[in-house]
C-alpha atoms as a PDB file:
ATOM      1  CA  MET A   1     -19.764   7.032  57.795  1.00  0.00           C
ATOM      2  CA  ALA A   2     -19.731   8.977  54.538  1.00  0.00           C
ATOM      3  CA  SER A   3     -16.840  11.306  53.835  1.00  0.00           C
ATOM      4  CA  THR A   4     -17.506  15.021  54.223  1.00  0.00           C
ATOM      5  CA  GLN A   5     -15.651  17.763  52.397  1.00  0.00           C
ATOM      6  CA  LEU A   6     -14.574  20.508  54.761  1.00  0.00           C
ATOM      7  CA  ALA A   7     -14.877  24.198  53.893  1.00  0.00           C
ATOM      8  CA  ASP A   8     -11.177  24.395  52.993  1.00  0.00           C
ATOM      9  CA  GLY A   9     -11.414  21.491  50.537  1.00  0.00           C
ATOM     10  CA  ARG A  10     -10.021  18.728  52.724  1.00  0.00           C
ATOM     11  CA  VAL A  11     -12.035  15.512  53.140  1.00  0.00           C
ATOM     12  CA  SER A  12     -12.961  14.397  56.654  1.00  0.00           C
ATOM     13  CA  ASP A  13     -11.677  10.820  56.793  1.00  0.00           C
ATOM     14  CA  ARG A  14      -9.142  10.816  53.958  1.00  0.00           C
ATOM     15  CA  ILE A  15      -6.301  11.926  56.218  1.00  0.00           C
ATOM     16  CA  GLU A  16      -7.207   9.356  58.883  1.00  0.00           C
ATOM     17  CA  ASN A  17      -7.184   6.555  56.305  1.00  0.00           C
ATOM     18  CA  TYR A  18      -3.853   7.507  54.721  1.00  0.00           C
ATOM     19  CA  ALA A  19      -1.418   5.460  56.824  1.00  0.00           C
ATOM     20  CA  GLY A  20      -3.602   2.380  56.388  1.00  0.00           C
ATOM     21  CA  PHE A  21      -2.357   1.969  52.822  1.00  0.00           C
ATOM     22  CA  TRP A  22       0.959   0.667  54.269  1.00  0.00           C
ATOM     23  CA  LYS A  23       1.726  -2.092  56.733  1.00  0.00           C
ATOM     24  CA  LYS A  24       3.115  -0.855  60.054  1.00  0.00           C
ATOM     25  CA  ASP A  25       6.145  -3.042  59.450  1.00  0.00           C
ATOM     26  CA  THR A  26       7.366  -1.971  56.010  1.00  0.00           C
ATOM     27  CA  ASN A  27       9.474  -5.127  55.807  1.00  0.00           C
ATOM     28  CA  LYS A  28       6.209  -7.044  55.435  1.00  0.00           C
ATOM     29  CA  GLU A  29       5.069  -5.033  52.427  1.00  0.00           C
ATOM     30  CA  GLY A  30       4.133  -7.211  49.446  1.00  0.00           C
ATOM     31  CA  GLU A  31       3.174  -6.780  45.797  1.00  0.00           C
ATOM     32  CA  ALA A  32      -0.532  -6.743  46.708  1.00  0.00           C
ATOM     33  CA  ASP A  33       0.024  -3.743  49.010  1.00  0.00           C
ATOM     34  CA  THR A  34       1.813  -1.833  46.256  1.00  0.00           C
ATOM     35  CA  ALA A  35      -0.888  -2.740  43.719  1.00  0.00           C
ATOM     36  CA  ASN A  36      -3.579  -1.482  46.092  1.00  0.00           C
ATOM     37  CA  ARG A  37      -1.834   1.899  46.460  1.00  0.00           C
ATOM     38  CA  VAL A  38      -1.314   2.195  42.719  1.00  0.00           C
ATOM     39  CA  ASP A  39      -4.980   1.388  42.051  1.00  0.00           C
ATOM     40  CA  ASN A  40      -6.051   3.951  44.655  1.00  0.00           C
ATOM     41  CA  TYR A  41      -3.393   6.572  43.914  1.00  0.00           C
ATOM     42  CA  THR A  42      -5.876   9.452  44.061  1.00  0.00           C
ATOM     43  CA  GLU A  43      -6.904   8.593  47.621  1.00  0.00           C
ATOM     44  CA  VAL A  44      -3.308   7.950  48.659  1.00  0.00           C
ATOM     45  CA  VAL A  45      -1.986  11.245  47.305  1.00  0.00           C
ATOM     46  CA  ASN A  46      -4.928  13.376  48.415  1.00  0.00           C
ATOM     47  CA  GLY A  47      -4.961  11.829  51.884  1.00  0.00           C
ATOM     48  CA  TYR A  48      -1.299  12.662  52.242  1.00  0.00           C
ATOM     49  CA  TYR A  49      -1.503  16.253  51.034  1.00  0.00           C
ATOM     50  CA  ASP A  50      -4.683  17.000  52.988  1.00  0.00           C
ATOM     51  CA  GLY A  51      -2.599  16.245  56.059  1.00  0.00           C
ATOM     52  CA  ALA A  52       0.867  17.328  54.971  1.00  0.00           C
ATOM     53  CA  THR A  53       0.391  20.620  53.095  1.00  0.00           C
ATOM     54  CA  GLU A  54       0.383  22.937  56.109  1.00  0.00           C
ATOM     55  CA  LEU A  55       3.334  21.007  57.570  1.00  0.00           C
ATOM     56  CA  TYR A  56       5.290  21.537  54.350  1.00  0.00           C
ATOM     57  CA  GLU A  57       4.539  25.247  54.385  1.00  0.00           C
ATOM     58  CA  TYR A  58       5.629  25.508  58.023  1.00  0.00           C
ATOM     59  CA  GLY A  59       8.751  23.372  57.774  1.00  0.00           C
ATOM     60  CA  TRP A  60       9.837  24.115  54.203  1.00  0.00           C
ATOM     61  CA  THR A  61       8.286  26.871  52.057  1.00  0.00           C
ATOM     62  CA  GLN A  62       5.541  27.171  49.444  1.00  0.00           C
ATOM     63  CA  SER A  63       7.854  25.304  47.031  1.00  0.00           C
ATOM     64  CA  PHE A  64       7.619  21.625  47.940  1.00  0.00           C
ATOM     65  CA  HIS A  65      10.898  20.353  46.502  1.00  0.00           C
ATOM     66  CA  PHE A  66      14.599  19.871  47.152  1.00  0.00           C
ATOM     67  CA  SER A  67      17.526  21.675  45.540  1.00  0.00           C
ATOM     68  CA  ARG A  68      21.292  21.814  45.341  1.00  0.00           C
ATOM     69  CA  PHE A  69      23.099  24.266  47.650  1.00  0.00           C
ATOM     70  CA  TYR A  70      26.129  26.501  47.390  1.00  0.00           C
ATOM     71  CA  PRO A  71      28.118  27.587  50.470  1.00  0.00           C
ATOM     72  CA  GLY A  72      26.519  30.662  52.011  1.00  0.00           C
ATOM     73  CA  GLU A  73      23.382  30.346  49.867  1.00  0.00           C
ATOM     74  CA  ALA A  74      20.096  30.939  51.648  1.00  0.00           C
ATOM     75  CA  PHE A  75      17.573  28.106  51.651  1.00  0.00           C
ATOM     76  CA  ALA A  76      14.876  30.073  49.796  1.00  0.00           C
ATOM     77  CA  ALA A  77      17.401  31.321  47.230  1.00  0.00           C
ATOM     78  CA  ALA A  78      18.524  27.773  46.487  1.00  0.00           C
ATOM     79  CA  LEU A  79      14.946  26.631  45.909  1.00  0.00           C
ATOM     80  CA  ALA A  80      14.338  29.527  43.517  1.00  0.00           C
ATOM     81  CA  ARG A  81      17.587  28.837  41.652  1.00  0.00           C
ATOM     82  CA  HIS A  82      16.538  25.198  41.208  1.00  0.00           C
ATOM     83  CA  GLU A  83      13.263  26.358  39.629  1.00  0.00           C
ATOM     84  CA  HIS A  84      14.988  28.947  37.452  1.00  0.00           C
ATOM     85  CA  TYR A  85      17.543  26.384  36.286  1.00  0.00           C
ATOM     86  CA  LEU A  86      14.835  24.090  34.936  1.00  0.00           C
ATOM     87  CA  SER A  87      13.099  27.038  33.288  1.00  0.00           C
ATOM     88  CA  SER A  88      16.336  28.126  31.617  1.00  0.00           C
ATOM     89  CA  LYS A  89      17.167  24.619  30.406  1.00  0.00           C
ATOM     90  CA  MET A  90      13.688  24.466  28.851  1.00  0.00           C
ATOM     91  CA  VAL A  91      14.161  27.983  27.382  1.00  0.00           C
ATOM     92  CA  LEU A  92      10.794  29.196  28.630  1.00  0.00           C
ATOM     93  CA  ARG A  93       9.999  32.599  27.128  1.00  0.00           C
ATOM     94  CA  PRO A  94       7.463  35.419  27.458  1.00  0.00           C
ATOM     95  CA  GLY A  95       4.038  34.542  26.109  1.00  0.00           C
ATOM     96  CA  MET A  96       4.504  30.773  26.100  1.00  0.00           C
ATOM     97  CA  ARG A  97       1.598  28.702  27.401  1.00  0.00           C
ATOM     98  CA  VAL A  98       3.077  26.395  30.033  1.00  0.00           C
ATOM     99  CA  LEU A  99       1.542  23.619  32.144  1.00  0.00           C
ATOM    100  CA  ASP A 100       2.792  22.867  35.681  1.00  0.00           C
ATOM    101  CA  VAL A 101       1.866  19.222  36.394  1.00  0.00           C
ATOM    102  CA  GLY A 102       1.295  18.642  40.102  1.00  0.00           C
ATOM    103  CA  CYS A 103       1.642  22.299  41.071  1.00  0.00           C
ATOM    104  CA  GLY A 104       1.241  22.063  44.862  1.00  0.00           C
ATOM    105  CA  VAL A 105       0.371  25.472  46.325  1.00  0.00           C
ATOM    106  CA  GLY A 106       2.000  27.203  43.365  1.00  0.00           C
ATOM    107  CA  GLY A 107       5.396  28.252  44.679  1.00  0.00           C
ATOM    108  CA  PRO A 108       7.361  27.091  41.601  1.00  0.00           C
ATOM    109  CA  ALA A 109       4.701  28.388  39.203  1.00  0.00           C
ATOM    110  CA  ARG A 110       4.932  31.880  40.667  1.00  0.00           C
ATOM    111  CA  ALA A 111       8.737  31.835  40.636  1.00  0.00           C
ATOM    112  CA  ILE A 112       8.945  30.571  37.059  1.00  0.00           C
ATOM    113  CA  ALA A 113       6.310  33.059  35.869  1.00  0.00           C
ATOM    114  CA  ARG A 114       8.383  35.912  37.317  1.00  0.00           C
ATOM    115  CA  PHE A 115      11.606  34.489  35.875  1.00  0.00           C
ATOM    116  CA  SER A 116      10.386  33.649  32.356  1.00  0.00           C
ATOM    117  CA  ASP A 117       7.296  35.853  31.941  1.00  0.00           C
ATOM    118  CA  ALA A 118       5.508  32.779  30.578  1.00  0.00           C
ATOM    119  CA  ASN A 119       1.819  32.125  31.230  1.00  0.00           C
ATOM    120  CA  ILE A 120       1.524  29.224  33.665  1.00  0.00           C
ATOM    121  CA  THR A 121      -1.425  26.909  34.281  1.00  0.00           C
ATOM    122  CA  GLY A 122      -1.037  24.703  37.341  1.00  0.00           C
ATOM    123  CA  VAL A 123      -2.987  21.446  37.541  1.00  0.00           C
ATOM    124  CA  ASN A 124      -3.550  19.662  40.829  1.00  0.00           C
ATOM    125  CA  ASN A 125      -6.079  17.103  42.052  1.00  0.00           C
ATOM    126  CA  ASN A 126      -6.200  18.422  45.623  1.00  0.00           C
ATOM    127  CA  ASP A 127      -8.880  21.020  46.433  1.00  0.00           C
ATOM    128  CA  PHE A 128      -7.109  22.198  49.579  1.00  0.00           C
ATOM    129  CA  GLN A 129      -3.898  22.990  47.718  1.00  0.00           C
ATOM    130  CA  ILE A 130      -5.704  24.617  44.791  1.00  0.00           C
ATOM    131  CA  GLY A 131      -7.467  27.016  47.163  1.00  0.00           C
ATOM    132  CA  ARG A 132      -4.204  27.993  48.822  1.00  0.00           C
ATOM    133  CA  ALA A 133      -2.415  28.344  45.480  1.00  0.00           C
ATOM    134  CA  ARG A 134      -5.035  30.795  44.235  1.00  0.00           C
ATOM    135  CA  LYS A 135      -4.908  32.806  47.463  1.00  0.00           C
ATOM    136  CA  TYR A 136      -1.107  33.108  47.441  1.00  0.00           C
ATOM    137  CA  THR A 137      -1.034  33.974  43.745  1.00  0.00           C
ATOM    138  CA  ALA A 138      -3.610  36.741  44.143  1.00  0.00           C
ATOM    139  CA  ALA A 139      -1.630  38.155  47.067  1.00  0.00           C
ATOM    140  CA  ALA A 140       1.494  38.145  44.875  1.00  0.00           C
ATOM    141  CA  GLY A 141      -0.339  40.046  42.125  1.00  0.00           C
ATOM    142  CA  LEU A 142       0.235  37.252  39.599  1.00  0.00           C
ATOM    143  CA  SER A 143      -3.300  36.065  38.872  1.00  0.00           C
ATOM    144  CA  ASP A 144      -3.033  37.398  35.324  1.00  0.00           C
ATOM    145  CA  LYS A 145       0.028  35.201  34.666  1.00  0.00           C
ATOM    146  CA  VAL A 146      -0.632  32.110  36.779  1.00  0.00           C
ATOM    147  CA  GLN A 147      -3.884  30.152  37.001  1.00  0.00           C
ATOM    148  CA  PHE A 148      -4.791  26.896  38.736  1.00  0.00           C
ATOM    149  CA  VAL A 149      -7.279  24.205  37.818  1.00  0.00           C
ATOM    150  CA  LYS A 150      -8.303  20.989  39.494  1.00  0.00           C
ATOM    151  CA  GLY A 151      -7.530  17.923  37.430  1.00  0.00           C
ATOM    152  CA  ASP A 152      -6.032  14.445  37.316  1.00  0.00           C
ATOM    153  CA  PHE A 153      -2.632  14.343  35.619  1.00  0.00           C
ATOM    154  CA  MET A 154      -3.546  10.913  34.273  1.00  0.00           C
ATOM    155  CA  LYS A 155      -6.371  12.588  32.303  1.00  0.00           C
ATOM    156  CA  LEU A 156      -4.708  15.707  30.896  1.00  0.00           C
ATOM    157  CA  VAL A 157      -5.977  15.190  27.355  1.00  0.00           C
ATOM    158  CA  GLU A 158      -9.534  14.876  28.608  1.00  0.00           C
ATOM    159  CA  GLN A 159      -9.186  18.198  30.424  1.00  0.00           C
ATOM    160  CA  PHE A 160      -7.052  20.297  28.076  1.00  0.00           C
ATOM    161  CA  GLY A 161      -7.165  18.608  24.667  1.00  0.00           C
ATOM    162  CA  GLU A 162      -4.239  17.574  22.504  1.00  0.00           C
ATOM    163  CA  ASN A 163      -1.547  20.012  21.310  1.00  0.00           C
ATOM    164  CA  SER A 164      -2.524  22.676  23.873  1.00  0.00           C
ATOM    165  CA  PHE A 165       0.758  23.789  25.506  1.00  0.00           C
ATOM    166  CA  ASP A 166       4.108  25.103  24.304  1.00  0.00           C
ATOM    167  CA  ALA A 167       5.838  23.560  27.306  1.00  0.00           C
ATOM    168  CA  VAL A 168       5.140  21.365  30.339  1.00  0.00           C
ATOM    169  CA  TYR A 169       7.171  20.902  33.501  1.00  0.00           C
ATOM    170  CA  ALA A 170       6.828  18.754  36.625  1.00  0.00           C
ATOM    171  CA  ILE A 171       8.866  19.332  39.772  1.00  0.00           C
ATOM    172  CA  GLU A 172       8.997  16.266  42.027  1.00  0.00           C
ATOM    173  CA  ALA A 173       5.337  15.543  41.263  1.00  0.00           C
ATOM    174  CA  THR A 174       4.951  12.784  38.665  1.00  0.00           C
ATOM    175  CA  VAL A 175       6.423  10.253  41.109  1.00  0.00           C
ATOM    176  CA  HIS A 176       2.882  10.216  42.554  1.00  0.00           C
ATOM    177  CA  ALA A 177       1.491   8.794  39.290  1.00  0.00           C
ATOM    178  CA  PRO A 178       0.537   5.109  39.122  1.00  0.00           C
ATOM    179  CA  THR A 179       2.945   4.695  36.179  1.00  0.00           C
ATOM    180  CA  PHE A 180       5.534   6.919  34.532  1.00  0.00           C
ATOM    181  CA  GLU A 181       4.341   5.803  31.101  1.00  0.00           C
ATOM    182  CA  GLY A 182       0.782   6.881  31.867  1.00  0.00           C
ATOM    183  CA  VAL A 183       1.562  10.406  33.040  1.00  0.00           C
ATOM    184  CA  TYR A 184       4.363  11.023  30.509  1.00  0.00           C
ATOM    185  CA  GLY A 185       2.054   9.833  27.734  1.00  0.00           C
ATOM    186  CA  GLU A 186      -0.596  12.338  28.765  1.00  0.00           C
ATOM    187  CA  ILE A 187       2.013  15.109  28.888  1.00  0.00           C
ATOM    188  CA  LEU A 188       3.240  14.248  25.391  1.00  0.00           C
ATOM    189  CA  LYS A 189      -0.281  14.488  23.997  1.00  0.00           C
ATOM    190  CA  VAL A 190      -1.105  17.919  25.465  1.00  0.00           C
ATOM    191  CA  LEU A 191       2.186  19.351  24.162  1.00  0.00           C
ATOM    192  CA  LYS A 192       2.229  21.009  20.787  1.00  0.00           C
ATOM    193  CA  PRO A 193       4.531  19.359  18.205  1.00  0.00           C
ATOM    194  CA  GLY A 194       8.055  20.509  19.029  1.00  0.00           C
ATOM    195  CA  GLY A 195       7.028  21.367  22.592  1.00  0.00           C
ATOM    196  CA  VAL A 196       9.391  20.817  25.513  1.00  0.00           C
ATOM    197  CA  PHE A 197       8.937  18.840  28.736  1.00  0.00           C
ATOM    198  CA  GLY A 198      11.193  19.393  31.737  1.00  0.00           C
ATOM    199  CA  VAL A 199      11.074  17.263  34.880  1.00  0.00           C
ATOM    200  CA  TYR A 200      12.785  16.794  38.217  1.00  0.00           C
ATOM    201  CA  GLU A 201      11.921  13.197  39.077  1.00  0.00           C
ATOM    202  CA  TRP A 202      12.129  11.263  42.341  1.00  0.00           C
ATOM    203  CA  CYS A 203      13.821   7.917  41.621  1.00  0.00           C
ATOM    204  CA  MET A 204      15.707   5.109  43.208  1.00  0.00           C
ATOM    205  CA  THR A 205      19.136   5.170  41.558  1.00  0.00           C
ATOM    206  CA  ASP A 206      20.847   2.457  39.531  1.00  0.00           C
ATOM    207  CA  ALA A 207      22.641   1.402  42.736  1.00  0.00           C
ATOM    208  CA  TRP A 208      19.302   0.431  44.300  1.00  0.00           C
ATOM    209  CA  ASP A 209      18.530  -3.285  44.242  1.00  0.00           C
ATOM    210  CA  PRO A 210      15.007  -4.304  45.339  1.00  0.00           C
ATOM    211  CA  SER A 211      16.209  -7.860  45.963  1.00  0.00           C
ATOM    212  CA  ILE A 212      18.197  -6.502  48.937  1.00  0.00           C
ATOM    213  CA  PRO A 213      15.769  -6.252  51.902  1.00  0.00           C
ATOM    214  CA  GLU A 214      17.373  -3.064  53.250  1.00  0.00           C
ATOM    215  CA  HIS A 215      17.051  -1.366  49.863  1.00  0.00           C
ATOM    216  CA  LYS A 216      13.422  -2.400  49.494  1.00  0.00           C
ATOM    217  CA  ALA A 217      12.594  -1.213  53.024  1.00  0.00           C
ATOM    218  CA  LEU A 218      14.223   2.151  52.296  1.00  0.00           C
ATOM    219  CA  ALA A 219      11.959   2.666  49.282  1.00  0.00           C
ATOM    220  CA  HIS A 220       8.862   1.837  51.336  1.00  0.00           C
ATOM    221  CA  GLU A 221       9.905   4.273  54.075  1.00  0.00           C
ATOM    222  CA  ILE A 222      10.211   7.027  51.460  1.00  0.00           C
ATOM    223  CA  GLU A 223       6.804   6.076  50.059  1.00  0.00           C
ATOM    224  CA  ILE A 224       4.849   6.074  53.316  1.00  0.00           C
ATOM    225  CA  GLY A 225       6.104   9.475  54.421  1.00  0.00           C
ATOM    226  CA  SER A 226       5.765  11.132  51.005  1.00  0.00           C
ATOM    227  CA  GLY A 227       2.395  10.005  49.640  1.00  0.00           C
ATOM    228  CA  ILE A 228       3.955   7.877  46.909  1.00  0.00           C
ATOM    229  CA  PRO A 229       2.193   4.672  45.788  1.00  0.00           C
ATOM    230  CA  GLU A 230       5.405   3.110  44.478  1.00  0.00           C
ATOM    231  CA  MET A 231       9.036   4.234  44.204  1.00  0.00           C
ATOM    232  CA  ARG A 232      10.662   3.235  40.905  1.00  0.00           C
ATOM    233  CA  PRO A 233      14.216   3.120  39.529  1.00  0.00           C
ATOM    234  CA  LEU A 234      15.710   5.926  37.454  1.00  0.00           C
ATOM    235  CA  SER A 235      15.944   3.665  34.424  1.00  0.00           C
ATOM    236  CA  ASN A 236      12.175   3.229  34.545  1.00  0.00           C
ATOM    237  CA  ALA A 237      11.666   6.988  34.121  1.00  0.00           C
ATOM    238  CA  ARG A 238      14.151   7.207  31.251  1.00  0.00           C
ATOM    239  CA  ASP A 239      12.642   4.204  29.465  1.00  0.00           C
ATOM    240  CA  ALA A 240       9.116   5.566  29.935  1.00  0.00           C
ATOM    241  CA  LEU A 241       9.973   8.901  28.340  1.00  0.00           C
ATOM    242  CA  LYS A 242      11.396   7.138  25.297  1.00  0.00           C
ATOM    243  CA  ALA A 243       8.571   4.597  25.135  1.00  0.00           C
ATOM    244  CA  VAL A 244       5.830   7.224  24.883  1.00  0.00           C
ATOM    245  CA  GLY A 245       7.695   9.096  22.149  1.00  0.00           C
ATOM    246  CA  PHE A 246       9.789  11.845  23.743  1.00  0.00           C
ATOM    247  CA  GLU A 247      13.214  12.722  22.368  1.00  0.00           C
ATOM    248  CA  ILE A 248      15.576  13.268  25.310  1.00  0.00           C
ATOM    249  CA  GLU A 249      17.779  16.331  24.822  1.00  0.00           C
ATOM    250  CA  HIS A 250      19.430  16.505  28.235  1.00  0.00           C
ATOM    251  CA  GLU A 251      19.439  14.255  31.298  1.00  0.00           C
ATOM    252  CA  GLU A 252      21.398  14.403  34.517  1.00  0.00           C
ATOM    253  CA  ASP A 253      21.065  13.313  38.107  1.00  0.00           C
ATOM    254  CA  LEU A 254      21.935  16.611  39.776  1.00  0.00           C
ATOM    255  CA  ALA A 255      22.463  14.795  43.075  1.00  0.00           C
ATOM    256  CA  GLU A 256      25.597  13.269  41.547  1.00  0.00           C
ATOM    257  CA  ARG A 257      27.341  16.636  41.314  1.00  0.00           C
ATOM    258  CA  PRO A 258      30.203  16.938  43.845  1.00  0.00           C
ATOM    259  CA  ASP A 259      28.543  19.587  45.994  1.00  0.00           C
ATOM    260  CA  ALA A 260      30.150  20.538  49.291  1.00  0.00           C
ATOM    261  CA  ILE A 261      26.665  20.868  50.810  1.00  0.00           C
ATOM    262  CA  PRO A 262      24.332  17.925  50.059  1.00  0.00           C
ATOM    263  CA  TRP A 263      20.756  18.420  48.896  1.00  0.00           C
ATOM    264  CA  TYR A 264      19.430  16.682  52.028  1.00  0.00           C
ATOM    265  CA  TYR A 265      21.235  18.863  54.582  1.00  0.00           C
ATOM    266  CA  PRO A 266      18.043  20.665  55.792  1.00  0.00           C
ATOM    267  CA  LEU A 267      16.572  17.270  56.756  1.00  0.00           C
ATOM    268  CA  GLU A 268      19.550  16.339  58.924  1.00  0.00           C
ATOM    269  CA  GLY A 269      18.556  18.845  61.602  1.00  0.00           C
ATOM    270  CA  ASP A 270      22.138  19.907  62.274  1.00  0.00           C
ATOM    271  CA  ILE A 271      21.940  23.674  62.863  1.00  0.00           C
ATOM    272  CA  ARG A 272      25.735  23.929  62.529  1.00  0.00           C
ATOM    273  CA  LYS A 273      25.214  23.418  58.782  1.00  0.00           C
ATOM    274  CA  ALA A 274      22.736  26.301  58.365  1.00  0.00           C
ATOM    275  CA  GLN A 275      24.011  28.646  55.657  1.00  0.00           C
ATOM    276  CA  THR A 276      22.340  31.882  56.808  1.00  0.00           C
ATOM    277  CA  ALA A 277      20.911  33.209  60.072  1.00  0.00           C
ATOM    278  CA  TRP A 278      17.308  32.662  58.975  1.00  0.00           C
ATOM    279  CA  ASP A 279      18.126  29.087  57.929  1.00  0.00           C
ATOM    280  CA  TYR A 280      18.872  28.188  61.545  1.00  0.00           C
ATOM    281  CA  PHE A 281      15.109  28.075  62.130  1.00  0.00           C
ATOM    282  CA  THR A 282      14.508  26.000  58.989  1.00  0.00           C
ATOM    283  CA  VAL A 283      17.121  23.428  59.993  1.00  0.00           C
ATOM    284  CA  TRP A 284      16.081  23.452  63.664  1.00  0.00           C
ATOM    285  CA  ARG A 285      12.579  22.352  62.724  1.00  0.00           C
ATOM    286  CA  MET A 286      14.093  19.059  61.516  1.00  0.00           C
ATOM    287  CA  SER A 287      16.265  18.568  64.633  1.00  0.00           C
ATOM    288  CA  TRP A 288      15.164  16.206  67.421  1.00  0.00           C
ATOM    289  CA  SER A 289      13.998  19.140  69.535  1.00  0.00           C
ATOM    290  CA  GLY A 290      12.251  20.813  66.607  1.00  0.00           C
ATOM    291  CA  LYS A 291      10.396  17.608  65.763  1.00  0.00           C
ATOM    292  CA  LEU A 292       9.456  17.132  69.415  1.00  0.00           C
ATOM    293  CA  VAL A 293       7.966  20.611  69.695  1.00  0.00           C
ATOM    294  CA  THR A 294       6.196  20.488  66.336  1.00  0.00           C
ATOM    295  CA  HIS A 295       4.677  17.057  66.659  1.00  0.00           C
ATOM    296  CA  ASN A 296       3.533  17.526  70.261  1.00  0.00           C
ATOM    297  CA  ALA A 297       1.918  20.818  69.263  1.00  0.00           C
ATOM    298  CA  MET A 298       0.206  19.069  66.350  1.00  0.00           C
ATOM    299  CA  HIS A 299      -1.101  16.341  68.630  1.00  0.00           C
ATOM    300  CA  ILE A 300      -2.626  18.889  70.999  1.00  0.00           C
ATOM    301  CA  MET A 301      -4.108  20.951  68.138  1.00  0.00           C
ATOM    302  CA  GLU A 302      -5.679  17.828  66.642  1.00  0.00           C
ATOM    303  CA  LEU A 303      -7.173  16.816  70.002  1.00  0.00           C
ATOM    304  CA  LEU A 304      -8.624  20.321  70.367  1.00  0.00           C
ATOM    305  CA  GLY A 305     -10.107  20.214  66.867  1.00  0.00           C
ATOM    306  CA  PHE A 306      -7.838  22.828  65.276  1.00  0.00           C
ATOM    307  CA  LEU A 307      -6.414  20.235  62.863  1.00  0.00           C
ATOM    308  CA  PRO A 308      -8.324  17.460  61.061  1.00  0.00           C
ATOM    309  CA  LYS A 309      -8.099  13.995  62.585  1.00  0.00           C
ATOM    310  CA  GLY A 310      -5.179  12.041  61.198  1.00  0.00           C
ATOM    311  CA  THR A 311      -2.896  15.052  60.683  1.00  0.00           C
ATOM    312  CA  TRP A 312      -0.597  14.021  63.542  1.00  0.00           C
ATOM    313  CA  GLN A 313      -0.291  10.509  62.097  1.00  0.00           C
ATOM    314  CA  VAL A 314       0.629  11.902  58.673  1.00  0.00           C
ATOM    315  CA  GLY A 315       3.259  13.990  60.443  1.00  0.00           C
ATOM    316  CA  GLU A 316       4.651  10.844  62.056  1.00  0.00           C
ATOM    317  CA  THR A 317       5.003   9.183  58.650  1.00  0.00           C
ATOM    318  CA  MET A 318       6.824  12.286  57.399  1.00  0.00           C
ATOM    319  CA  LYS A 319       9.422  11.763  60.142  1.00  0.00           C
ATOM    320  CA  ILE A 320      10.001   8.249  58.782  1.00  0.00           C
ATOM    321  CA  ALA A 321      10.482   9.634  55.280  1.00  0.00           C
ATOM    322  CA  ALA A 322      12.840  12.391  56.417  1.00  0.00           C
ATOM    323  CA  ASP A 323      15.227   9.856  57.930  1.00  0.00           C
ATOM    324  CA  ALA A 324      14.896   7.599  54.876  1.00  0.00           C
ATOM    325  CA  LEU A 325      15.568  10.448  52.460  1.00  0.00           C
ATOM    326  CA  VAL A 326      18.758  11.385  54.295  1.00  0.00           C
ATOM    327  CA  LYS A 327      19.858   7.759  54.286  1.00  0.00           C
ATOM    328  CA  GLY A 328      18.950   7.440  50.600  1.00  0.00           C
ATOM    329  CA  GLY A 329      20.996  10.528  49.802  1.00  0.00           C
ATOM    330  CA  GLN A 330      23.990   9.455  51.853  1.00  0.00           C
ATOM    331  CA  THR A 331      24.052   5.976  50.280  1.00  0.00           C
ATOM    332  CA  LYS A 332      23.293   7.281  46.763  1.00  0.00           C
ATOM    333  CA  LEU A 333      20.289   4.945  46.545  1.00  0.00           C
ATOM    334  CA  PHE A 334      17.780   7.773  45.993  1.00  0.00           C
ATOM    335  CA  THR A 335      17.646  11.041  44.091  1.00  0.00           C
ATOM    336  CA  PRO A 336      14.971  13.764  44.087  1.00  0.00           C
ATOM    337  CA  MET A 337      16.533  15.539  41.119  1.00  0.00           C
ATOM    338  CA  TYR A 338      16.862  13.312  38.093  1.00  0.00           C
ATOM    339  CA  MET A 339      16.481  16.140  35.590  1.00  0.00           C
ATOM    340  CA  VAL A 340      15.369  15.452  32.031  1.00  0.00           C
ATOM    341  CA  VAL A 341      14.565  17.913  29.268  1.00  0.00           C
ATOM    342  CA  SER A 342      12.868  16.204  26.351  1.00  0.00           C
ATOM    343  CA  ARG A 343      10.901  17.242  23.308  1.00  0.00           C
ATOM    344  CA  LYS A 344       7.818  16.115  21.440  1.00  0.00           C
ATOM    345  CA  PRO A 345       8.767  15.390  17.820  1.00  0.00           C
ATOM    346  CA  LEU A 346       7.463  17.781  15.189  1.00  0.00           C
ATOM    347  CA  LYS A 347       5.974  14.765  13.437  1.00  0.00           C
ATOM    348  CA  ASN A 348       4.845  11.545  15.093  1.00  0.00           C
END
């Protein structure tokens, strides 16, 4: 049966097909399975976000990323600080033309536009998210500062042309690319000479060893529940930036800072760790009872036709990833915040 695009931009069978890109037993995953996901990254990523976007907005916020936390700091405030920190390290300024690569529903773009007064263009290959991003941005009164376009971040030059932006950032998005070299190379080309690129990258850390079965399984569990074709080591990201021609000015794995409250605490589901009264609800949603309520409700809503088929299954894979992300954080095998600020040379 041919795929049908729904009125909200989602595609009828893309969500249903998502989980099929992985073996049920991740320990049986092979190189051919990874290659298939990489080759079909557009279907993998869009299938995931067609099913996961509303779940992210319900369980997280409109900013689909992690952050560091300070004692007593509200969840939403920490997310905004994480966005502002990247903006400040990049020295984004009023009037700059800035590209947000993999913009989601636009939460970071709106926050950074308010913080820096820069003009932000968000690019995203998912129609459903683009529609929601535009709606939220209009409601926030920021449509004159923040725009969104549909596009493939592996074809940025084709869409925008070379030397088009003063700055580019990506917040936990380019991990979805088939290769770091490919997406970083496109970013370099659309930057003006001397332009800056800031990224928070998802990586397996230097402590991760794919020859250890438990380490390899952990990476696959993160992949299946996060719409990622292939998790890669931190060194791969660093080497890719240098290989395509960027000059690294600052790099740091922010997860290595000795924070009293770990970045993954909201995923643990321990309401005793909630930092503010409102955060009790955020943390509860990731507790065993919160997951039970949410996922049973999703199952019923899907059966009744209120959610597209396959949404519940995507939600089940997200539960796998949540546990894997906590484990990856606790063992220091994974980081969602390898931060790099790099610059395109004035002369190639």
